[in-house]
Every structure is written in C-alpha cells, then in structure tokens.
C-alpha cells in the first residue's frame, strides 16, 4: 500500500484526508497487517485512485 500511495505522490496525511481512513489504520496496513474489511480496502483504494477492475 505504501508503494502505491508514494507512486501517487501522496502523503499519508493527504490519503487520510481523501479517504477518511484513520492514520493509525493506514500505518497498520502499510506495515503489513491485513485490511479488516472490504469497505476499508475500498476507501484506501479510492484515496489513491485505484479501481478494483483494472488496477489503476
């Protein structure tokens, strides 16, 4: 997740503002913990503008 966020030239703070997932959750996910729900995964993906269908 961190690589995707950084490739989008986005700070963790900017992702948090855009997707509304807590900073602590972003840190845990980037640290390798599993994403707890599909809803959180979708919000994180939206935060870096990645779609589930085509990976972009």
Protein backbone atom coordinates (compact mmCIF):
# COMPACT_ATOMS: atom_id res chain seq x y z
CA UNK A 1 0.00 0.00 0.00
CA UNK A 2 2.79 2.43 0.83
CA UNK A 3 4.35 1.94 -2.61
CA UNK A 4 1.01 2.71 -4.29
CA UNK A 5 0.49 5.80 -2.16
CA UNK A 6 4.00 7.05 -2.83
CA UNK A 7 3.67 6.31 -6.57
CA UNK A 8 0.60 8.56 -6.50
CA UNK A 9 2.85 11.23 -4.93
CA UNK A 10 0.59 11.35 -1.89
CA UNK A 11 1.48 11.78 1.75
CA UNK A 12 -0.15 9.65 4.40
CA UNK A 13 -1.90 12.80 5.64
CA UNK A 14 -3.29 13.54 2.17
CA UNK A 15 -4.56 9.97 1.85
CA UNK A 16 -6.19 10.20 5.27
CA UNK A 17 -7.95 13.42 4.29
CA UNK A 18 -9.14 11.99 0.98
CA UNK A 19 -10.32 8.55 2.07
CA UNK A 20 -11.29 9.13 5.71
CA UNK A 21 -9.50 6.02 6.99
CA UNK A 22 -7.63 6.75 10.20
CA UNK A 23 -3.92 7.42 10.11
CA UNK A 24 -3.41 4.50 12.50
CA UNK A 25 -5.20 2.16 10.09
CA UNK A 26 -3.07 3.38 7.18
CA UNK A 27 0.09 2.78 9.25
CA UNK A 28 -1.07 -0.74 10.18
CA UNK A 29 -1.94 -1.64 6.58
CA UNK A 30 1.34 -0.24 5.27
CA UNK A 31 3.10 -2.25 7.98
CA UNK A 32 1.64 -5.45 6.59
CA UNK A 33 -1.41 -6.07 8.76
CA UNK A 34 -4.44 -7.39 6.90
CA UNK A 35 -7.13 -4.90 5.92
CA UNK A 36 -10.06 -5.55 8.27
CA UNK A 37 -12.97 -5.06 5.86
CA UNK A 38 -13.72 -4.66 2.18
CA UNK A 39 -15.16 -1.23 2.98
CA UNK A 40 -11.80 -0.05 4.39
CA UNK A 41 -9.95 -1.55 1.39
CA UNK A 42 -12.25 0.32 -1.00
CA UNK A 43 -11.77 3.59 0.86
CA UNK A 44 -7.99 3.18 0.85
CA UNK A 45 -8.03 2.39 -2.88
CA UNK A 46 -10.22 5.42 -3.53
CA UNK A 47 -7.76 7.52 -1.56
CA UNK A 48 -5.02 6.76 -4.09
CA UNK A 49 -7.46 6.49 -7.00
CA UNK A 50 -7.03 2.77 -7.72
CA UNK A 51 -10.00 0.85 -9.08
CA UNK A 52 -10.61 -2.81 -8.39
CA UNK A 53 -11.39 -3.65 -12.01
CA UNK A 54 -8.25 -2.64 -13.86
CA UNK A 55 -5.74 -1.93 -11.08
CA UNK A 56 -5.43 1.75 -12.00
